[in-house]
Amino acid sequence: SDQSLKEFEGATLPLLYCQCFAVRSLGWVEMSEDDMAPGKSSVAVNNCIRQLSYHKHNLHDTAGIWGEGKDMLMVLENDTMKLIDPLGQTLLHAQPIGSIRVWGVGRDNGRDFAYVARDNLTQVLKCHVFRCDSPAKNIATSLHEMCSKIMMERKASKPGVSRLNSDPGKPVVIPVEEFPAPKNELFQRFRVYYLGNQPVAKPVGMDIVNETLETAMNGRDKNDWTPVFVNVAPATLTILSRQDEEVLSECRVRFLSFMGVGKDVHTFAFIMAEGPHDFTCHMFWCEPNAASLSEAVQAACMLRYQKCLDARPPSLASCLPTPPADSVARRVKKGMQSLLGSFKSYRSGSQSP
C-alpha cells in the first residue's frame, strides 16, 4: 500500500545521508581557548594526536565509557556525529557537528583523526583522538560535505523559519558563519627549488652552509634545480616533488643541527645529523626570498626544543648522565642552542634603535 511504501521510505532514506567509519579511541587531551587561535589550532591538534599516538601512558579516560583503546563506530548522520558500540549497538556519545570547533588528520599517520569540542558537563575544551581503519581524510571530507549541506539547508530555510519555533529538544547548531573549517593538513607548505643535498664535515656553522650552497649554485644550471614543496610540521620537514608529490626526503626536526640563510637571500639550507659522524646539508632556492621558509623552520625548532625542556622534570634532569662529547645528541643540542641563541640575538638586534 501507499502507507507501507511511505513507511519504507521513511526508514531507508535517512540511511542515504548516513556514513559510518570503524575507529578506535585513543583518548582525549584537555586544550585551552588560546590553542584555538587562528594559526595555532592546526599545530595544537597535531600535537594532541602525537601525544596520544606515542605516549599512551598519559591518556585520559572518560569514566571508561568511550575512552582509550575502545573500538567503536563513528556515524555521521544528519547534523550529528555519533559514537556507537559495535557489539551492543549502544550509543556512547552524540556530538552536534555544529559544536565541533576544529578537526584534523594526523601528519605522521594518515589514519589518525581528531576533533575539538567543549564537554557539555564540565565545559572543558577537549581534543578527542581516534585511530581509523580507513584513511582519516575520508572522515574529514565527509564532515566538510555535511557542513556544506547543513549550511545550504539553513540558508534556504532561514527567511521563513523562526528560531523561536524550533524544537527545543534538538541540539542548537551554531550559526553558519561559525562552522569549523576542515583542517586536513597540519603543516605549512612552501613552493621552492631543491638544490640537492651534500655530506658535510660538521653539524654547525655558517661557513659550512655558505660553502655548500656556493658549491651547489656553481655546480648546477638553474634548469636542473628540482621544483619541490617543503612541508614544515612541528616534528617533520618533508621535501616533495611538485610534479607528483613523491617524497624526496623526510627529516625529523629533532635531528636538525643547524640552519641558515645564505649570502644570497634567496638561498636557505639546514644540516641534519644522520649518524655519529654523518651530517647532510639540504639546500633550497626560494622566491622572493628565504625569509618565510627560514622563519617556519625556526619556529618548528623552537617548539621542539621547548617541548623537550617541558618534558624533562627538574629532578630528572639533574640526575641524567651527560652525553659523550662526540655524541649526536650533544652535537645536535649544541647546534640547536647556537641556532636559537643567534635567532634571539637577531630579534633583539632588529628591535633596538
Protein backbone atom coordinates (compact mmCIF):
# COMPACT_ATOMS: atom_id res chain seq x y z
CA SER A 1 0.00 0.00 0.00
CA ASP A 2 0.96 3.66 -0.27
CA GLN A 3 1.21 3.87 3.52
CA SER A 4 3.64 0.95 3.76
CA LEU A 5 5.71 2.45 0.94
CA LYS A 6 5.94 5.74 2.83
CA GLU A 7 6.98 3.88 5.98
CA PHE A 8 9.67 2.03 4.00
CA GLU A 9 10.95 5.30 2.53
CA GLY A 10 10.91 6.91 5.95
CA ALA A 11 13.05 4.09 7.33
CA THR A 12 15.54 3.83 4.46
CA LEU A 13 16.01 7.35 3.09
CA PRO A 14 17.89 8.62 6.19
CA LEU A 15 20.46 5.86 5.61
CA LEU A 16 21.42 7.55 2.34
CA TYR A 17 22.71 10.51 4.36
CA CYS A 18 24.47 8.37 6.97
CA GLN A 19 28.16 7.46 6.82
CA CYS A 20 29.88 5.00 9.11
CA PHE A 21 33.58 4.58 9.97
CA ALA A 22 35.29 1.99 12.15
CA VAL A 23 37.58 3.73 14.65
CA ARG A 24 39.40 3.11 17.93
CA SER A 25 39.52 5.79 20.59
CA LEU A 26 43.00 6.88 21.69
CA GLY A 27 41.59 9.12 24.42
CA TRP A 28 41.47 12.89 24.82
CA VAL A 29 43.65 15.83 25.81
CA GLU A 30 42.44 18.99 27.51
CA MET A 31 43.03 22.16 25.48
CA SER A 32 42.85 25.88 26.19
CA GLU A 33 40.99 28.58 24.30
CA ASP A 34 44.36 30.02 23.26
CA ASP A 35 45.07 26.79 21.37
CA MET A 36 42.10 27.56 19.12
CA ALA A 37 43.50 30.89 17.93
CA PRO A 38 43.93 31.28 14.15
CA GLY A 39 47.25 29.86 13.05
CA LYS A 40 47.68 27.83 16.25
CA SER A 41 44.80 25.33 16.14
CA SER A 42 46.36 23.06 13.49
CA VAL A 43 49.62 22.75 15.42
CA ALA A 44 47.78 22.21 18.71
CA VAL A 45 45.57 19.45 17.29
CA ASN A 46 48.52 17.73 15.66
CA ASN A 47 50.44 17.85 18.94
CA CYS A 48 47.48 16.17 20.68
CA ILE A 49 47.44 13.45 18.03
CA ARG A 50 51.15 12.83 18.51
CA GLN A 51 50.84 12.81 22.30
CA LEU A 52 48.11 10.17 22.29
CA SER A 53 49.65 8.15 19.47
CA TYR A 54 53.10 7.81 21.04
CA HIS A 55 52.60 8.39 24.77
CA LYS A 56 49.68 6.20 25.72
CA HIS A 57 50.55 6.27 29.42
CA ASN A 58 49.31 9.86 29.57
CA LEU A 59 45.85 9.06 28.26
CA HIS A 60 42.70 10.31 29.90
CA ASP A 61 39.68 8.03 30.05
CA THR A 62 36.17 9.40 30.26
CA ALA A 63 34.90 7.11 33.05
CA GLY A 64 35.50 4.09 30.85
CA ILE A 65 32.55 4.94 28.63
CA TRP A 66 34.34 5.72 25.39
CA GLY A 67 37.93 6.23 26.41
CA GLU A 68 41.31 4.95 25.30
CA GLY A 69 41.51 1.67 23.41
CA LYS A 70 37.80 1.18 22.77
CA ASP A 71 36.65 0.07 19.31
CA MET A 72 33.59 1.90 18.07
CA LEU A 73 31.69 3.08 15.03
CA MET A 74 31.74 6.76 14.15
CA VAL A 75 28.45 7.53 12.42
CA LEU A 76 27.86 10.84 10.64
CA GLU A 77 24.12 11.27 10.36
CA ASN A 78 22.19 14.46 9.57
CA ASP A 79 23.87 17.12 11.76
CA THR A 80 25.31 14.78 14.40
CA MET A 81 28.44 12.68 14.91
CA LYS A 82 27.53 9.53 16.86
CA LEU A 83 29.91 7.08 18.53
CA ILE A 84 28.36 3.62 18.79
CA ASP A 85 29.45 0.38 20.45
CA PRO A 86 29.69 -2.08 17.51
CA LEU A 87 28.73 -5.07 19.67
CA GLY A 88 25.66 -3.89 21.52
CA GLN A 89 24.82 -1.03 19.13
CA THR A 90 24.77 1.23 22.21
CA LEU A 91 25.05 4.97 21.68
CA LEU A 92 28.20 6.05 23.54
CA HIS A 93 28.25 9.71 22.60
CA ALA A 94 26.43 12.16 20.33
CA GLN A 95 28.24 15.30 19.18
CA PRO A 96 26.40 18.02 17.21
CA ILE A 97 28.61 18.73 14.22
CA GLY A 98 27.97 22.44 14.64
CA SER A 99 29.61 22.37 18.08
CA ILE A 100 32.89 20.94 16.79
CA ARG A 101 35.47 23.72 16.91
CA VAL A 102 38.02 22.13 14.60
CA TRP A 103 39.02 18.73 13.25
CA GLY A 104 42.17 17.38 11.68
CA VAL A 105 44.06 14.44 10.18
CA GLY A 106 47.39 13.41 11.69
CA ARG A 107 50.54 14.44 9.86
CA ASP A 108 52.57 11.38 10.84
CA ASN A 109 49.82 8.82 10.33
CA GLY A 110 47.04 9.36 7.80
CA ARG A 111 44.73 7.11 9.82
CA ASP A 112 44.70 9.37 12.89
CA PHE A 113 41.72 11.70 13.24
CA ALA A 114 40.91 14.28 15.92
CA TYR A 115 38.24 16.80 16.69
CA VAL A 116 37.93 19.51 19.36
CA ALA A 117 34.70 20.28 21.21
CA ARG A 118 33.61 21.53 24.61
CA ASP A 119 32.36 18.97 27.13
CA ASN A 120 28.67 19.55 27.87
CA LEU A 121 29.00 18.79 31.59
CA THR A 122 32.36 20.26 32.57
CA GLN A 123 32.67 22.85 29.76
CA VAL A 124 36.29 21.72 29.34
CA LEU A 125 37.66 22.01 25.81
CA LYS A 126 38.80 18.52 24.75
CA CYS A 127 40.66 17.17 21.74
CA HIS A 128 39.40 13.62 21.06
CA VAL A 129 41.73 11.40 19.02
CA PHE A 130 40.90 8.24 17.05
CA ARG A 131 42.79 5.65 15.02
CA CYS A 132 40.76 4.78 11.91
CA ASP A 133 40.53 1.54 9.94
CA SER A 134 40.43 3.57 6.71
CA PRO A 135 42.21 6.81 5.75
CA ALA A 136 41.14 9.55 8.16
CA LYS A 137 40.79 12.05 5.34
CA ASN A 138 37.53 10.25 4.44
CA ILE A 139 36.03 11.42 7.75
CA ALA A 140 37.34 14.96 7.27
CA THR A 141 35.93 15.09 3.73
CA SER A 142 32.55 13.76 4.89
CA LEU A 143 32.40 16.33 7.69
CA HIS A 144 33.17 19.09 5.23
CA GLU A 145 30.44 17.87 2.85
CA MET A 146 27.92 17.61 5.69
CA CYS A 147 28.77 21.11 6.90
CA SER A 148 28.26 22.44 3.38
CA LYS A 149 24.92 20.61 3.13
CA ILE A 150 23.74 21.90 6.52
CA MET A 151 24.78 25.45 5.64
CA MET A 152 22.89 25.32 2.34
CA GLU A 153 19.77 23.98 4.07
CA ARG A 154 19.90 26.63 6.77
CA LYS A 155 20.46 29.42 4.28
CA ALA A 156 17.45 28.19 2.29
CA SER A 157 15.21 27.92 5.35
CA LYS A 158 16.43 30.99 7.23
CA PRO A 159 13.97 33.56 5.77
CA GLY A 160 10.88 31.55 6.64
CA VAL A 161 11.89 29.84 9.88
CA SER A 162 11.98 31.44 13.29
CA ARG A 163 14.43 30.13 15.90
CA LEU A 164 11.68 30.61 18.47
CA ASN A 165 9.60 27.92 16.76
CA SER A 166 12.38 25.34 16.59
CA ASP A 167 12.14 22.09 18.51
CA PRO A 168 13.72 22.72 21.95
CA GLY A 169 14.67 19.06 22.17
CA LYS A 170 17.09 19.30 19.28
CA PRO A 171 20.68 20.49 19.82
CA VAL A 172 21.33 24.09 18.86
CA VAL A 173 23.59 24.35 15.83
CA ILE A 174 25.90 27.36 15.76
CA PRO A 175 25.38 29.99 13.01
CA VAL A 176 26.63 29.35 9.50
CA GLU A 177 29.47 31.86 9.86
CA GLU A 178 30.94 29.92 12.80
CA PHE A 179 31.10 26.48 11.20
CA PRO A 180 34.56 24.95 11.55
CA ALA A 181 36.78 24.87 8.52
CA PRO A 182 38.30 21.44 7.82
CA LYS A 183 41.91 21.17 8.95
CA ASN A 184 43.21 18.34 6.79
CA GLU A 185 46.83 19.49 6.53
CA LEU A 186 48.56 20.34 9.77
CA PHE A 187 51.69 21.87 8.27
CA GLN A 188 52.94 24.90 6.35
CA ARG A 189 53.74 24.36 2.67
CA PHE A 190 56.33 26.30 0.65
CA ARG A 191 56.99 26.24 -3.12
CA VAL A 192 60.76 26.32 -3.59
CA TYR A 193 63.56 24.78 -5.66
CA TYR A 194 65.66 21.97 -4.23
CA LEU A 195 69.37 22.35 -4.92
CA GLY A 196 70.05 18.88 -3.56
CA ASN A 197 71.89 17.63 -0.50
CA GLN A 198 75.55 17.23 0.28
CA PRO A 199 77.51 15.46 3.06
CA VAL A 200 79.29 17.99 5.28
CA ALA A 201 82.08 17.67 7.83
CA LYS A 202 80.45 19.48 10.76
CA PRO A 203 76.91 19.73 12.17
CA VAL A 204 77.02 23.50 12.70
CA GLY A 205 78.45 26.68 11.18
CA MET A 206 77.50 29.33 8.64
CA ASP A 207 80.84 28.72 6.94
CA ILE A 208 79.72 25.15 6.23
CA VAL A 209 76.32 26.34 4.94
CA ASN A 210 77.80 29.05 2.70
CA GLU A 211 80.49 26.77 1.23
CA THR A 212 77.96 24.03 0.48
CA LEU A 213 75.48 26.49 -1.07
CA GLU A 214 78.22 28.02 -3.21
CA THR A 215 79.25 24.58 -4.49
CA ALA A 216 75.65 23.69 -5.32
CA MET A 217 75.00 27.00 -7.10
CA ASN A 218 78.17 26.80 -9.19
CA GLY A 219 77.88 23.13 -9.98
CA ARG A 220 74.37 23.04 -11.49
CA ASP A 221 72.39 25.04 -14.02
CA LYS A 222 69.17 26.67 -12.79
CA ASN A 223 67.18 24.45 -15.17
CA ASP A 224 68.46 21.43 -13.25
CA TRP A 225 67.00 22.57 -9.93
CA THR A 226 64.11 20.43 -8.73
CA PRO A 227 60.77 22.20 -8.15
CA VAL A 228 59.53 20.97 -4.77
CA PHE A 229 57.16 21.57 -1.91
CA VAL A 230 58.61 21.79 1.58
CA ASN A 231 56.08 20.87 4.26
CA VAL A 232 57.08 22.23 7.67
CA ALA A 233 55.37 20.45 10.57
CA PRO A 234 56.29 20.63 14.27
CA ALA A 235 58.15 17.32 14.11
CA THR A 236 58.99 16.79 10.44
CA LEU A 237 60.35 18.61 7.41
CA THR A 238 59.20 16.87 4.23
CA ILE A 239 60.54 17.56 0.74
CA LEU A 240 58.15 16.50 -2.04
CA SER A 241 58.36 16.69 -5.83
CA ARG A 242 55.95 19.30 -7.18
CA GLN A 243 55.21 17.09 -10.17
CA ASP A 244 53.77 14.03 -8.41
CA GLU A 245 54.30 14.83 -4.68
CA GLU A 246 56.76 11.95 -4.35
CA VAL A 247 58.60 12.23 -1.03
CA LEU A 248 62.23 13.02 -1.83
CA SER A 249 63.34 13.35 1.78
CA GLU A 250 61.75 13.40 5.22
CA CYS A 251 63.76 14.97 8.03
CA ARG A 252 62.96 14.84 11.74
CA VAL A 253 63.20 18.25 13.39
CA ARG A 254 64.81 16.65 16.45
CA PHE A 255 67.91 15.83 14.35
CA LEU A 256 68.24 19.26 12.73
CA SER A 257 71.54 20.64 13.99
CA PHE A 258 71.90 23.94 12.12
CA MET A 259 70.16 26.16 9.59
CA GLY A 260 70.75 29.47 7.90
CA VAL A 261 70.05 31.85 5.03
CA GLY A 262 72.98 32.07 2.61
CA LYS A 263 74.84 35.13 1.32
CA ASP A 264 72.19 35.31 -1.39
CA VAL A 265 68.87 35.96 0.40
CA HIS A 266 67.15 33.50 -1.96
CA THR A 267 69.16 30.58 -0.58
CA PHE A 268 68.44 28.54 2.52
CA ALA A 269 69.95 25.38 3.97
CA PHE A 270 69.72 23.16 7.02
CA ILE A 271 72.00 20.41 8.34
CA MET A 272 70.69 17.06 9.54
CA ALA A 273 72.53 14.66 11.85
CA GLU A 274 72.22 11.27 10.15
CA GLY A 275 74.64 9.44 12.48
CA PRO A 276 77.52 9.92 14.96
CA HIS A 277 79.81 11.39 12.28
CA ASP A 278 77.38 11.69 9.38
CA PHE A 279 75.88 15.10 8.55
CA THR A 280 73.90 16.16 5.47
CA CYS A 281 73.15 19.68 4.26
CA HIS A 282 69.87 20.21 2.35
CA MET A 283 69.78 23.33 0.15
CA PHE A 284 66.99 25.42 -1.40
CA TRP A 285 66.34 28.42 -3.63
CA CYS A 286 63.30 30.47 -2.56
CA GLU A 287 61.25 33.21 -4.21
CA PRO A 288 61.05 36.11 -3.48
CA ASN A 289 63.47 35.27 -0.63
CA ALA A 290 64.10 32.64 2.03
CA ALA A 291 62.61 34.58 4.95
CA SER A 292 59.26 32.75 5.18
CA LEU A 293 60.75 29.25 4.96
CA SER A 294 63.56 30.01 7.41
CA GLU A 295 61.14 31.50 9.96
CA ALA A 296 58.83 28.48 9.69
CA VAL A 297 61.71 26.06 10.28
CA GLN A 298 62.99 28.22 13.16
CA ALA A 299 59.52 28.14 14.74
CA ALA A 300 59.40 24.34 14.43
CA CYS A 301 62.85 24.08 16.05
CA MET A 302 61.91 26.39 18.91
CA LEU A 303 58.68 24.47 19.54
CA ARG A 304 60.55 21.17 19.53
CA TYR A 305 63.26 22.48 21.85
CA GLN A 306 60.71 23.94 24.28
CA LYS A 307 58.76 20.67 24.33
CA CYS A 308 61.96 18.80 25.22
CA LEU A 309 62.60 21.20 28.10
CA ASP A 310 59.00 20.97 29.33
CA ALA A 311 59.01 17.18 29.16
CA ARG A 312 62.06 16.83 31.44
CA PRO A 313 61.28 17.29 35.15
CA PRO A 314 63.94 19.27 37.09
CA SER A 315 64.56 16.33 39.43
CA LEU A 316 65.19 14.04 36.46
CA ALA A 317 67.37 16.49 34.57
CA SER A 318 69.86 16.75 37.42
CA CYS A 319 70.50 13.00 37.56
CA LEU A 320 70.67 12.29 33.83
CA PRO A 321 74.15 11.40 32.54
CA THR A 322 75.81 13.94 30.27
CA PRO A 323 76.05 12.71 26.65
CA PRO A 324 79.56 11.97 25.37
CA ALA A 325 81.32 14.96 23.82
CA ASP A 326 81.19 13.43 20.33
CA SER A 327 77.64 12.05 20.51
CA VAL A 328 74.92 13.04 18.04
CA ALA A 329 72.71 14.19 20.90
CA ARG A 330 75.36 16.59 22.18
CA ARG A 331 76.17 17.96 18.74
CA VAL A 332 72.51 18.44 17.87
CA LYS A 333 71.84 20.08 21.25
CA LYS A 334 74.83 22.39 20.79
CA GLY A 335 73.71 23.30 17.30
CA MET A 336 70.13 23.90 18.41
CA GLN A 337 71.23 26.15 21.28
CA SER A 338 73.51 28.04 18.89
CA LEU A 339 70.69 28.35 16.38
CA LEU A 340 68.20 29.59 18.96
CA GLY A 341 70.75 31.94 20.50
CA SER A 342 71.56 33.55 17.18
CA PHE A 343 67.85 33.80 16.39
CA LYS A 344 67.18 35.61 19.69
CA SER A 345 70.16 37.92 19.11
CA TYR A 346 68.85 38.70 15.65
CA ARG A 347 65.40 39.50 17.06
CA SER A 348 66.71 41.75 19.84
CA GLY A 349 69.14 43.45 17.48
CA SER A 350 66.43 44.20 14.94
CA GLN A 351 64.28 45.79 17.64
CA SER A 352 66.99 48.07 19.05
CA PRO A 353 67.07 51.71 17.84
